[in-house]
All heavy atoms as atom14 arrays in JSON, in Angstrom:
{
  "sequence": "TQIGILNRRLRYVKYLQFFAVLSLFSSTFAMLTILVDFMFLGIFN",
  "atom14_mask": [
    [1, 1, 1, 1, 1, 1, 1, 0, 0, 0, 0, 0, 0, 0],
    [1, 1, 1, 1, 1, 1, 1, 1, 1, 0, 0, 0, 0, 0],
    [1, 1, 1, 1, 1, 1, 1, 1, 0, 0, 0, 0, 0, 0],
    [1, 1, 1, 1, 0, 0, 0, 0, 0, 0, 0, 0, 0, 0],
    [1, 1, 1, 1, 1, 1, 1, 1, 0, 0, 0, 0, 0, 0],
    [1, 1, 1, 1, 1, 1, 1, 1, 0, 0, 0, 0, 0, 0],
    [1, 1, 1, 1, 1, 1, 1, 1, 0, 0, 0, 0, 0, 0],
    [1, 1, 1, 1, 1, 1, 1, 1, 1, 1, 1, 0, 0, 0],
    [1, 1, 1, 1, 1, 1, 1, 1, 1, 1, 1, 0, 0, 0],
    [1, 1, 1, 1, 1, 1, 1, 1, 0, 0, 0, 0, 0, 0],
    [1, 1, 1, 1, 1, 1, 1, 1, 1, 1, 1, 0, 0, 0],
    [1, 1, 1, 1, 1, 1, 1, 1, 1, 1, 1, 1, 0, 0],
    [1, 1, 1, 1, 1, 1, 1, 0, 0, 0, 0, 0, 0, 0],
    [1, 1, 1, 1, 1, 1, 1, 1, 1, 0, 0, 0, 0, 0],
    [1, 1, 1, 1, 1, 1, 1, 1, 1, 1, 1, 1, 0, 0],
    [1, 1, 1, 1, 1, 1, 1, 1, 0, 0, 0, 0, 0, 0],
    [1, 1, 1, 1, 1, 1, 1, 1, 1, 0, 0, 0, 0, 0],
    [1, 1, 1, 1, 1, 1, 1, 1, 1, 1, 1, 0, 0, 0],
    [1, 1, 1, 1, 1, 1, 1, 1, 1, 1, 1, 0, 0, 0],
    [1, 1, 1, 1, 1, 0, 0, 0, 0, 0, 0, 0, 0, 0],
    [1, 1, 1, 1, 1, 1, 1, 0, 0, 0, 0, 0, 0, 0],
    [1, 1, 1, 1, 1, 1, 1, 1, 0, 0, 0, 0, 0, 0],
    [1, 1, 1, 1, 1, 1, 0, 0, 0, 0, 0, 0, 0, 0],
    [1, 1, 1, 1, 1, 1, 1, 1, 0, 0, 0, 0, 0, 0],
    [1, 1, 1, 1, 1, 1, 1, 1, 1, 1, 1, 0, 0, 0],
    [1, 1, 1, 1, 1, 1, 0, 0, 0, 0, 0, 0, 0, 0],
    [1, 1, 1, 1, 1, 1, 0, 0, 0, 0, 0, 0, 0, 0],
    [1, 1, 1, 1, 1, 1, 1, 0, 0, 0, 0, 0, 0, 0],
    [1, 1, 1, 1, 1, 1, 1, 1, 1, 1, 1, 0, 0, 0],
    [1, 1, 1, 1, 1, 0, 0, 0, 0, 0, 0, 0, 0, 0],
    [1, 1, 1, 1, 1, 1, 1, 1, 0, 0, 0, 0, 0, 0],
    [1, 1, 1, 1, 1, 1, 1, 1, 0, 0, 0, 0, 0, 0],
    [1, 1, 1, 1, 1, 1, 1, 0, 0, 0, 0, 0, 0, 0],
    [1, 1, 1, 1, 1, 1, 1, 1, 0, 0, 0, 0, 0, 0],
    [1, 1, 1, 1, 1, 1, 1, 1, 0, 0, 0, 0, 0, 0],
    [1, 1, 1, 1, 1, 1, 1, 0, 0, 0, 0, 0, 0, 0],
    [1, 1, 1, 1, 1, 1, 1, 1, 0, 0, 0, 0, 0, 0],
    [1, 1, 1, 1, 1, 1, 1, 1, 1, 1, 1, 0, 0, 0],
    [1, 1, 1, 1, 1, 1, 1, 1, 0, 0, 0, 0, 0, 0],
    [1, 1, 1, 1, 1, 1, 1, 1, 1, 1, 1, 0, 0, 0],
    [1, 1, 1, 1, 1, 1, 1, 1, 0, 0, 0, 0, 0, 0],
    [1, 1, 1, 1, 0, 0, 0, 0, 0, 0, 0, 0, 0, 0],
    [1, 1, 1, 1, 1, 1, 1, 1, 0, 0, 0, 0, 0, 0],
    [1, 1, 1, 1, 1, 1, 1, 1, 1, 1, 1, 0, 0, 0],
    [1, 1, 1, 1, 1, 1, 1, 1, 0, 0, 0, 0, 0, 0]
  ],
  "atom14_positions": [
    [[-56.79, -50.02, 15.78], [-57.15, -48.61, 16.02], [-57.26, -48.33, 17.51], [-56.74, -47.32, 18.01], [-58.48, -48.26, 15.32], [-58.35, -48.52, 13.94], [-58.85, -46.81, 15.55], [0.0, 0.0, 0.0], [0.0, 0.0, 0.0], [0.0, 0.0, 0.0], [0.0, 0.0, 0.0], [0.0, 0.0, 0.0], [0.0, 0.0, 0.0], [0.0, 0.0, 0.0]],
    [[-57.9, -49.23, 18.22], [-58.07, -49.04, 19.66], [-56.72, -49.06, 20.38], [-56.48, -48.25, 21.27], [-58.99, -50.11, 20.23], [-59.43, -49.83, 21.65], [-60.52, -50.78, 22.11], [-60.86, -51.73, 21.43], [-61.06, -50.51, 23.28], [0.0, 0.0, 0.0], [0.0, 0.0, 0.0], [0.0, 0.0, 0.0], [0.0, 0.0, 0.0], [0.0, 0.0, 0.0]],
    [[-55.84, -49.94, 19.98], [-54.51, -50.0, 20.59], [-53.73, -48.72, 20.3], [-53.03, -48.19, 21.16], [-53.75, -51.26, 20.11], [-54.4, -52.5, 20.74], [-52.27, -51.18, 20.47], [-53.9, -53.82, 20.19], [0.0, 0.0, 0.0], [0.0, 0.0, 0.0], [0.0, 0.0, 0.0], [0.0, 0.0, 0.0], [0.0, 0.0, 0.0], [0.0, 0.0, 0.0]],
    [[-53.87, -48.19, 19.08], [-53.22, -46.92, 18.74], [-53.71, -45.78, 19.62], [-52.92, -44.96, 20.1], [0.0, 0.0, 0.0], [0.0, 0.0, 0.0], [0.0, 0.0, 0.0], [0.0, 0.0, 0.0], [0.0, 0.0, 0.0], [0.0, 0.0, 0.0], [0.0, 0.0, 0.0], [0.0, 0.0, 0.0], [0.0, 0.0, 0.0], [0.0, 0.0, 0.0]],
    [[-55.02, -45.73, 19.84], [-55.59, -44.68, 20.7], [-55.11, -44.85, 22.14], [-54.74, -43.88, 22.81], [-57.13, -44.7, 20.62], [-57.59, -44.25, 19.23], [-57.74, -43.8, 21.7], [-59.07, -44.46, 18.97], [0.0, 0.0, 0.0], [0.0, 0.0, 0.0], [0.0, 0.0, 0.0], [0.0, 0.0, 0.0], [0.0, 0.0, 0.0], [0.0, 0.0, 0.0]],
    [[-55.08, -46.1, 22.61], [-54.61, -46.36, 23.98], [-53.14, -45.98, 24.12], [-52.72, -45.44, 25.16], [-54.82, -47.82, 24.35], [-56.26, -48.23, 24.62], [-56.37, -49.74, 24.74], [-56.78, -47.55, 25.88], [0.0, 0.0, 0.0], [0.0, 0.0, 0.0], [0.0, 0.0, 0.0], [0.0, 0.0, 0.0], [0.0, 0.0, 0.0], [0.0, 0.0, 0.0]],
    [[-52.35, -46.25, 23.09], [-50.94, -45.88, 23.12], [-50.78, -44.36, 23.23], [-49.96, -43.86, 24.01], [-50.24, -46.42, 21.87], [-48.75, -46.25, 21.93], [-48.14, -46.27, 23.0], [-48.13, -46.09, 20.78], [0.0, 0.0, 0.0], [0.0, 0.0, 0.0], [0.0, 0.0, 0.0], [0.0, 0.0, 0.0], [0.0, 0.0, 0.0], [0.0, 0.0, 0.0]],
    [[-51.59, -43.62, 22.47], [-51.55, -42.16, 22.53], [-51.98, -41.69, 23.91], [-51.35, -40.8, 24.51], [-52.46, -41.55, 21.46], [-52.39, -40.04, 21.42], [-53.28, -39.4, 20.36], [-53.39, -40.11, 19.11], [-54.52, -40.7, 18.68], [-55.62, -40.64, 19.39], [-54.55, -41.33, 17.52], [0.0, 0.0, 0.0], [0.0, 0.0, 0.0], [0.0, 0.0, 0.0]],
    [[-53.04, -42.27, 24.44], [-53.51, -41.88, 25.77], [-52.46, -42.15, 26.83], [-52.25, -41.34, 27.74], [-54.8, -42.62, 26.13], [-56.01, -42.14, 25.36], [-57.25, -42.88, 25.76], [-57.54, -42.67, 27.18], [-58.34, -43.44, 27.89], [-58.94, -44.47, 27.34], [-58.56, -43.18, 29.15], [0.0, 0.0, 0.0], [0.0, 0.0, 0.0], [0.0, 0.0, 0.0]],
    [[-51.77, -43.28, 26.72], [-50.72, -43.62, 27.67], [-49.58, -42.62, 27.61], [-49.04, -42.2, 28.63], [-50.21, -45.03, 27.38], [-49.51, -45.79, 28.48], [-50.37, -45.86, 29.73], [-49.15, -47.18, 28.0], [0.0, 0.0, 0.0], [0.0, 0.0, 0.0], [0.0, 0.0, 0.0], [0.0, 0.0, 0.0], [0.0, 0.0, 0.0], [0.0, 0.0, 0.0]],
    [[-49.24, -42.18, 26.4], [-48.2, -41.16, 26.23], [-48.64, -39.84, 26.88], [-47.86, -39.18, 27.57], [-47.91, -40.98, 24.74], [-46.65, -40.24, 24.45], [-46.3, -40.22, 22.96], [-47.48, -40.15, 22.11], [-47.81, -41.08, 21.19], [-47.07, -42.1, 20.99], [-48.9, -40.95, 20.47], [0.0, 0.0, 0.0], [0.0, 0.0, 0.0], [0.0, 0.0, 0.0]],
    [[-49.89, -39.45, 26.66], [-50.4, -38.22, 27.29], [-50.35, -38.32, 28.81], [-49.96, -37.37, 29.49], [-51.84, -37.93, 26.86], [-51.99, -37.46, 25.43], [-53.17, -37.72, 24.74], [-51.0, -36.76, 24.77], [-53.35, -37.29, 23.43], [-51.17, -36.33, 23.46], [-52.34, -36.6, 22.8], [-52.51, -36.18, 21.51], [0.0, 0.0, 0.0], [0.0, 0.0, 0.0]],
    [[-50.76, -39.46, 29.35], [-50.74, -39.64, 30.81], [-49.31, -39.57, 31.33], [-49.05, -38.97, 32.38], [-51.44, -40.95, 31.22], [-51.21, -41.26, 32.69], [-52.93, -40.87, 30.94], [0.0, 0.0, 0.0], [0.0, 0.0, 0.0], [0.0, 0.0, 0.0], [0.0, 0.0, 0.0], [0.0, 0.0, 0.0], [0.0, 0.0, 0.0], [0.0, 0.0, 0.0]],
    [[-48.37, -40.13, 30.58], [-46.96, -40.06, 30.99], [-46.51, -38.61, 31.07], [-45.88, -38.19, 32.05], [-46.1, -40.84, 29.99], [-44.61, -40.78, 30.3], [-43.8, -41.59, 29.31], [-43.72, -40.89, 27.98], [-42.77, -41.53, 27.05], [0.0, 0.0, 0.0], [0.0, 0.0, 0.0], [0.0, 0.0, 0.0], [0.0, 0.0, 0.0], [0.0, 0.0, 0.0]],
    [[-46.86, -37.82, 30.05], [-46.45, -36.42, 30.05], [-47.18, -35.61, 31.12], [-46.58, -34.76, 31.78], [-46.69, -35.78, 28.68], [-45.77, -36.3, 27.6], [-46.26, -36.58, 26.34], [-44.42, -36.52, 27.85], [-45.41, -37.06, 25.34], [-43.58, -37.01, 26.86], [-44.08, -37.26, 25.61], [-43.25, -37.75, 24.63], [0.0, 0.0, 0.0], [0.0, 0.0, 0.0]],
    [[-48.46, -35.85, 31.33], [-49.17, -35.07, 32.34], [-48.65, -35.4, 33.72], [-48.54, -34.52, 34.57], [-50.68, -35.21, 32.22], [-51.39, -36.53, 32.45], [-51.76, -36.72, 33.9], [-52.66, -36.54, 31.61], [0.0, 0.0, 0.0], [0.0, 0.0, 0.0], [0.0, 0.0, 0.0], [0.0, 0.0, 0.0], [0.0, 0.0, 0.0], [0.0, 0.0, 0.0]],
    [[-48.28, -36.67, 33.96], [-47.69, -37.02, 35.25], [-46.31, -36.38, 35.41], [-45.97, -35.88, 36.47], [-47.58, -38.53, 35.4], [-48.89, -39.21, 35.66], [-48.74, -40.7, 35.81], [-47.94, -41.34, 35.14], [-49.52, -41.28, 36.7], [0.0, 0.0, 0.0], [0.0, 0.0, 0.0], [0.0, 0.0, 0.0], [0.0, 0.0, 0.0], [0.0, 0.0, 0.0]],
    [[-45.52, -36.4, 34.34], [-44.19, -35.81, 34.38], [-44.25, -34.33, 34.74], [-43.55, -33.86, 35.63], [-43.48, -36.01, 33.03], [-42.16, -35.34, 32.92], [-41.04, -35.87, 33.56], [-42.0, -34.18, 32.18], [-39.81, -35.25, 33.47], [-40.77, -33.56, 32.07], [-39.66, -34.1, 32.72], [0.0, 0.0, 0.0], [0.0, 0.0, 0.0], [0.0, 0.0, 0.0]],
    [[-45.13, -33.59, 34.06], [-45.22, -32.15, 34.33], [-45.87, -31.88, 35.69], [-45.54, -30.87, 36.34], [-45.94, -31.43, 33.2], [-45.06, -31.23, 32.0], [-45.21, -32.03, 30.88], [-44.06, -30.28, 32.01], [-44.39, -31.87, 29.78], [-43.22, -30.11, 30.92], [-43.38, -30.91, 29.8], [0.0, 0.0, 0.0], [0.0, 0.0, 0.0], [0.0, 0.0, 0.0]],
    [[-46.74, -32.75, 36.15], [-47.31, -32.58, 37.49], [-46.22, -32.78, 38.55], [-46.17, -32.04, 39.54], [-48.46, -33.56, 37.71], [0.0, 0.0, 0.0], [0.0, 0.0, 0.0], [0.0, 0.0, 0.0], [0.0, 0.0, 0.0], [0.0, 0.0, 0.0], [0.0, 0.0, 0.0], [0.0, 0.0, 0.0], [0.0, 0.0, 0.0], [0.0, 0.0, 0.0]],
    [[-45.35, -33.76, 38.34], [-44.25, -33.98, 39.28], [-43.3, -32.78, 39.26], [-42.84, -32.33, 40.32], [-43.51, -35.3, 38.98], [-42.21, -35.4, 39.74], [-44.41, -36.48, 39.3], [0.0, 0.0, 0.0], [0.0, 0.0, 0.0], [0.0, 0.0, 0.0], [0.0, 0.0, 0.0], [0.0, 0.0, 0.0], [0.0, 0.0, 0.0], [0.0, 0.0, 0.0]],
    [[-42.99, -32.27, 38.06], [-42.15, -31.06, 37.99], [-42.81, -29.89, 38.72], [-42.13, -29.13, 39.42], [-41.89, -30.68, 36.54], [-40.86, -31.51, 35.78], [-40.76, -31.02, 34.34], [-39.51, -31.47, 36.45], [0.0, 0.0, 0.0], [0.0, 0.0, 0.0], [0.0, 0.0, 0.0], [0.0, 0.0, 0.0], [0.0, 0.0, 0.0], [0.0, 0.0, 0.0]],
    [[-44.11, -29.76, 38.57], [-44.83, -28.7, 39.26], [-44.76, -28.88, 40.77], [-44.54, -27.92, 41.52], [-46.29, -28.68, 38.79], [-47.0, -27.67, 39.45], [0.0, 0.0, 0.0], [0.0, 0.0, 0.0], [0.0, 0.0, 0.0], [0.0, 0.0, 0.0], [0.0, 0.0, 0.0], [0.0, 0.0, 0.0], [0.0, 0.0, 0.0], [0.0, 0.0, 0.0]],
    [[-44.93, -30.11, 41.21], [-44.86, -30.41, 42.64], [-43.46, -30.11, 43.18], [-43.3, -29.51, 44.25], [-45.22, -31.88, 42.88], [-45.43, -32.35, 44.29], [-46.55, -31.59, 44.97], [-45.74, -33.84, 44.29], [0.0, 0.0, 0.0], [0.0, 0.0, 0.0], [0.0, 0.0, 0.0], [0.0, 0.0, 0.0], [0.0, 0.0, 0.0], [0.0, 0.0, 0.0]],
    [[-42.44, -30.51, 42.42], [-41.07, -30.23, 42.83], [-40.81, -28.73, 42.89], [-40.23, -28.23, 43.86], [-40.09, -30.9, 41.85], [-38.65, -30.66, 42.21], [-38.04, -31.41, 43.2], [-37.91, -29.68, 41.57], [-36.72, -31.19, 43.54], [-36.6, -29.44, 41.9], [-35.99, -30.2, 42.89], [0.0, 0.0, 0.0], [0.0, 0.0, 0.0], [0.0, 0.0, 0.0]],
    [[-41.23, -27.99, 41.87], [-41.02, -26.54, 41.84], [-41.77, -25.85, 42.97], [-41.28, -24.9, 43.58], [-41.47, -25.94, 40.51], [-40.65, -26.4, 39.47], [0.0, 0.0, 0.0], [0.0, 0.0, 0.0], [0.0, 0.0, 0.0], [0.0, 0.0, 0.0], [0.0, 0.0, 0.0], [0.0, 0.0, 0.0], [0.0, 0.0, 0.0], [0.0, 0.0, 0.0]],
    [[-42.98, -26.33, 43.25], [-43.77, -25.77, 44.34], [-43.08, -26.01, 45.69], [-43.01, -25.12, 46.54], [-45.16, -26.39, 44.34], [-45.95, -25.88, 45.37], [0.0, 0.0, 0.0], [0.0, 0.0, 0.0], [0.0, 0.0, 0.0], [0.0, 0.0, 0.0], [0.0, 0.0, 0.0], [0.0, 0.0, 0.0], [0.0, 0.0, 0.0], [0.0, 0.0, 0.0]],
    [[-42.56, -27.21, 45.86], [-41.85, -27.54, 47.1], [-40.58, -26.69, 47.23], [-40.29, -26.15, 48.3], [-41.47, -29.04, 47.11], [-42.66, -29.8, 46.94], [-40.8, -29.43, 48.41], [0.0, 0.0, 0.0], [0.0, 0.0, 0.0], [0.0, 0.0, 0.0], [0.0, 0.0, 0.0], [0.0, 0.0, 0.0], [0.0, 0.0, 0.0], [0.0, 0.0, 0.0]],
    [[-39.86, -26.56, 46.13], [-38.64, -25.74, 46.14], [-38.99, -24.27, 46.4], [-38.24, -23.57, 47.09], [-37.87, -25.91, 44.83], [-36.46, -25.42, 44.91], [-35.54, -26.05, 45.73], [-36.05, -24.34, 44.16], [-34.23, -25.6, 45.81], [-34.75, -23.88, 44.23], [-33.83, -24.51, 45.05], [0.0, 0.0, 0.0], [0.0, 0.0, 0.0], [0.0, 0.0, 0.0]],
    [[-40.13, -23.82, 45.87], [-40.57, -22.45, 46.13], [-40.82, -22.23, 47.62], [-40.42, -21.21, 48.19], [-41.82, -22.12, 45.32], [0.0, 0.0, 0.0], [0.0, 0.0, 0.0], [0.0, 0.0, 0.0], [0.0, 0.0, 0.0], [0.0, 0.0, 0.0], [0.0, 0.0, 0.0], [0.0, 0.0, 0.0], [0.0, 0.0, 0.0], [0.0, 0.0, 0.0]],
    [[-41.49, -23.21, 48.26], [-41.74, -23.09, 49.7], [-40.43, -23.04, 50.47], [-40.28, -22.24, 51.4], [-42.6, -24.25, 50.19], [-44.05, -24.14, 49.76], [-45.11, -25.39, 50.51], [-44.6, -26.86, 49.66], [0.0, 0.0, 0.0], [0.0, 0.0, 0.0], [0.0, 0.0, 0.0], [0.0, 0.0, 0.0], [0.0, 0.0, 0.0], [0.0, 0.0, 0.0]],
    [[-39.47, -23.88, 50.07], [-38.17, -23.9, 50.74], [-37.45, -22.57, 50.59], [-36.93, -22.01, 51.57], [-37.31, -25.04, 50.19], [-35.89, -25.13, 50.73], [-35.91, -25.48, 52.22], [-35.09, -26.14, 49.95], [0.0, 0.0, 0.0], [0.0, 0.0, 0.0], [0.0, 0.0, 0.0], [0.0, 0.0, 0.0], [0.0, 0.0, 0.0], [0.0, 0.0, 0.0]],
    [[-37.41, -22.04, 49.37], [-36.69, -20.79, 49.14], [-37.38, -19.59, 49.8], [-36.7, -18.68, 50.26], [-36.48, -20.53, 47.63], [-37.72, -20.61, 46.96], [-35.51, -21.54, 47.04], [0.0, 0.0, 0.0], [0.0, 0.0, 0.0], [0.0, 0.0, 0.0], [0.0, 0.0, 0.0], [0.0, 0.0, 0.0], [0.0, 0.0, 0.0], [0.0, 0.0, 0.0]],
    [[-38.69, -19.62, 49.86], [-39.41, -18.55, 50.58], [-39.14, -18.66, 52.08], [-38.94, -17.66, 52.77], [-40.92, -18.59, 50.26], [-41.16, -18.16, 48.81], [-41.7, -17.71, 51.23], [-42.57, -18.4, 48.32], [0.0, 0.0, 0.0], [0.0, 0.0, 0.0], [0.0, 0.0, 0.0], [0.0, 0.0, 0.0], [0.0, 0.0, 0.0], [0.0, 0.0, 0.0]],
    [[-39.08, -19.89, 52.57], [-38.83, -20.12, 53.99], [-37.47, -19.58, 54.42], [-37.33, -19.02, 55.51], [-38.93, -21.62, 54.29], [-38.82, -22.04, 55.75], [-40.0, -21.5, 56.55], [-38.75, -23.55, 55.85], [0.0, 0.0, 0.0], [0.0, 0.0, 0.0], [0.0, 0.0, 0.0], [0.0, 0.0, 0.0], [0.0, 0.0, 0.0], [0.0, 0.0, 0.0]],
    [[-36.48, -19.72, 53.56], [-35.14, -19.21, 53.9], [-34.92, -17.79, 53.39], [-33.8, -17.3, 53.36], [-34.02, -20.17, 53.41], [-34.08, -21.49, 54.13], [-34.05, -20.34, 51.92], [0.0, 0.0, 0.0], [0.0, 0.0, 0.0], [0.0, 0.0, 0.0], [0.0, 0.0, 0.0], [0.0, 0.0, 0.0], [0.0, 0.0, 0.0], [0.0, 0.0, 0.0]],
    [[-36.01, -17.16, 52.97], [-36.04, -15.74, 52.62], [-35.29, -15.39, 51.33], [-34.7, -14.32, 51.22], [-35.55, -14.88, 53.78], [-36.21, -13.49, 53.77], [-37.28, -13.36, 53.17], [-35.61, -12.57, 54.36], [0.0, 0.0, 0.0], [0.0, 0.0, 0.0], [0.0, 0.0, 0.0], [0.0, 0.0, 0.0], [0.0, 0.0, 0.0], [0.0, 0.0, 0.0]],
    [[-35.29, -16.31, 50.38], [-34.83, -16.01, 49.03], [-36.05, -15.76, 48.17], [-36.47, -16.59, 47.36], [-34.0, -17.16, 48.44], [-32.67, -17.37, 49.09], [-32.25, -18.65, 49.44], [-31.81, -16.31, 49.34], [-31.02, -18.86, 50.02], [-30.58, -16.51, 49.93], [-30.18, -17.79, 50.27], [0.0, 0.0, 0.0], [0.0, 0.0, 0.0], [0.0, 0.0, 0.0]],
    [[-36.66, -14.6, 48.35], [-37.96, -14.32, 47.74], [-37.94, -14.38, 46.21], [-38.85, -14.93, 45.61], [-38.49, -12.96, 48.21], [-38.95, -12.95, 49.65], [-40.16, -14.25, 50.03], [-41.57, -13.63, 49.17], [0.0, 0.0, 0.0], [0.0, 0.0, 0.0], [0.0, 0.0, 0.0], [0.0, 0.0, 0.0], [0.0, 0.0, 0.0], [0.0, 0.0, 0.0]],
    [[-36.92, -13.81, 45.6], [-36.9, -13.82, 44.13], [-36.89, -15.25, 43.6], [-37.66, -15.59, 42.7], [-35.68, -13.05, 43.59], [-35.58, -13.13, 42.09], [-36.41, -12.35, 41.28], [-34.69, -14.0, 41.47], [-36.34, -12.43, 39.9], [-34.61, -14.09, 40.09], [-35.44, -13.3, 39.3], [0.0, 0.0, 0.0], [0.0, 0.0, 0.0], [0.0, 0.0, 0.0]],
    [[-36.04, -16.1, 44.17], [-35.97, -17.49, 43.74], [-37.28, -18.23, 44.08], [-37.75, -19.07, 43.31], [-34.78, -18.19, 44.4], [-34.39, -19.56, 43.88], [-34.12, -19.52, 42.38], [-33.17, -20.08, 44.63], [0.0, 0.0, 0.0], [0.0, 0.0, 0.0], [0.0, 0.0, 0.0], [0.0, 0.0, 0.0], [0.0, 0.0, 0.0], [0.0, 0.0, 0.0]],
    [[-37.86, -17.88, 45.21], [-39.14, -18.49, 45.59], [-40.25, -18.12, 44.62], [-41.03, -18.98, 44.2], [0.0, 0.0, 0.0], [0.0, 0.0, 0.0], [0.0, 0.0, 0.0], [0.0, 0.0, 0.0], [0.0, 0.0, 0.0], [0.0, 0.0, 0.0], [0.0, 0.0, 0.0], [0.0, 0.0, 0.0], [0.0, 0.0, 0.0], [0.0, 0.0, 0.0]],
    [[-40.33, -16.86, 44.26], [-41.36, -16.41, 43.31], [-41.11, -17.04, 41.94], [-42.04, -17.51, 41.29], [-41.38, -14.87, 43.22], [-41.89, -14.29, 44.54], [-42.24, -14.4, 42.06], [-41.7, -12.78, 44.67], [0.0, 0.0, 0.0], [0.0, 0.0, 0.0], [0.0, 0.0, 0.0], [0.0, 0.0, 0.0], [0.0, 0.0, 0.0], [0.0, 0.0, 0.0]],
    [[-39.84, -17.08, 41.52], [-39.5, -17.7, 40.24], [-39.94, -19.16, 40.21], [-40.56, -19.62, 39.24], [-37.99, -17.6, 39.99], [-37.54, -18.31, 38.75], [-37.7, -17.72, 37.5], [-36.96, -19.57, 38.84], [-37.3, -18.39, 36.35], [-36.56, -20.24, 37.7], [-36.74, -19.65, 36.45], [0.0, 0.0, 0.0], [0.0, 0.0, 0.0], [0.0, 0.0, 0.0]],
    [[-39.66, -19.91, 41.27], [-40.05, -21.32, 41.31], [-41.55, -21.51, 41.41], [-42.1, -22.48, 40.87], [-39.33, -22.03, 42.46], [-37.95, -22.44, 42.07], [-37.77, -23.32, 41.24], [-36.96, -21.77, 42.63], [0.0, 0.0, 0.0], [0.0, 0.0, 0.0], [0.0, 0.0, 0.0], [0.0, 0.0, 0.0], [0.0, 0.0, 0.0], [0.0, 0.0, 0.0]]
  ]
}
C-alpha cells in the first residue's frame, strides 16, 4: 500500500514539475515576445 501511494505521489510530482517547466518556458517566451514588441503573442504566452 505504501509503495502504491509513493508511486502515485511520484507521478504527481512528475506532472507538477512538467507543467511548472512549461509555465517557465511560456513565461520566458512571453518576456521575449513582449521585448520585441509582439504584444499579442506575448500576452497569449
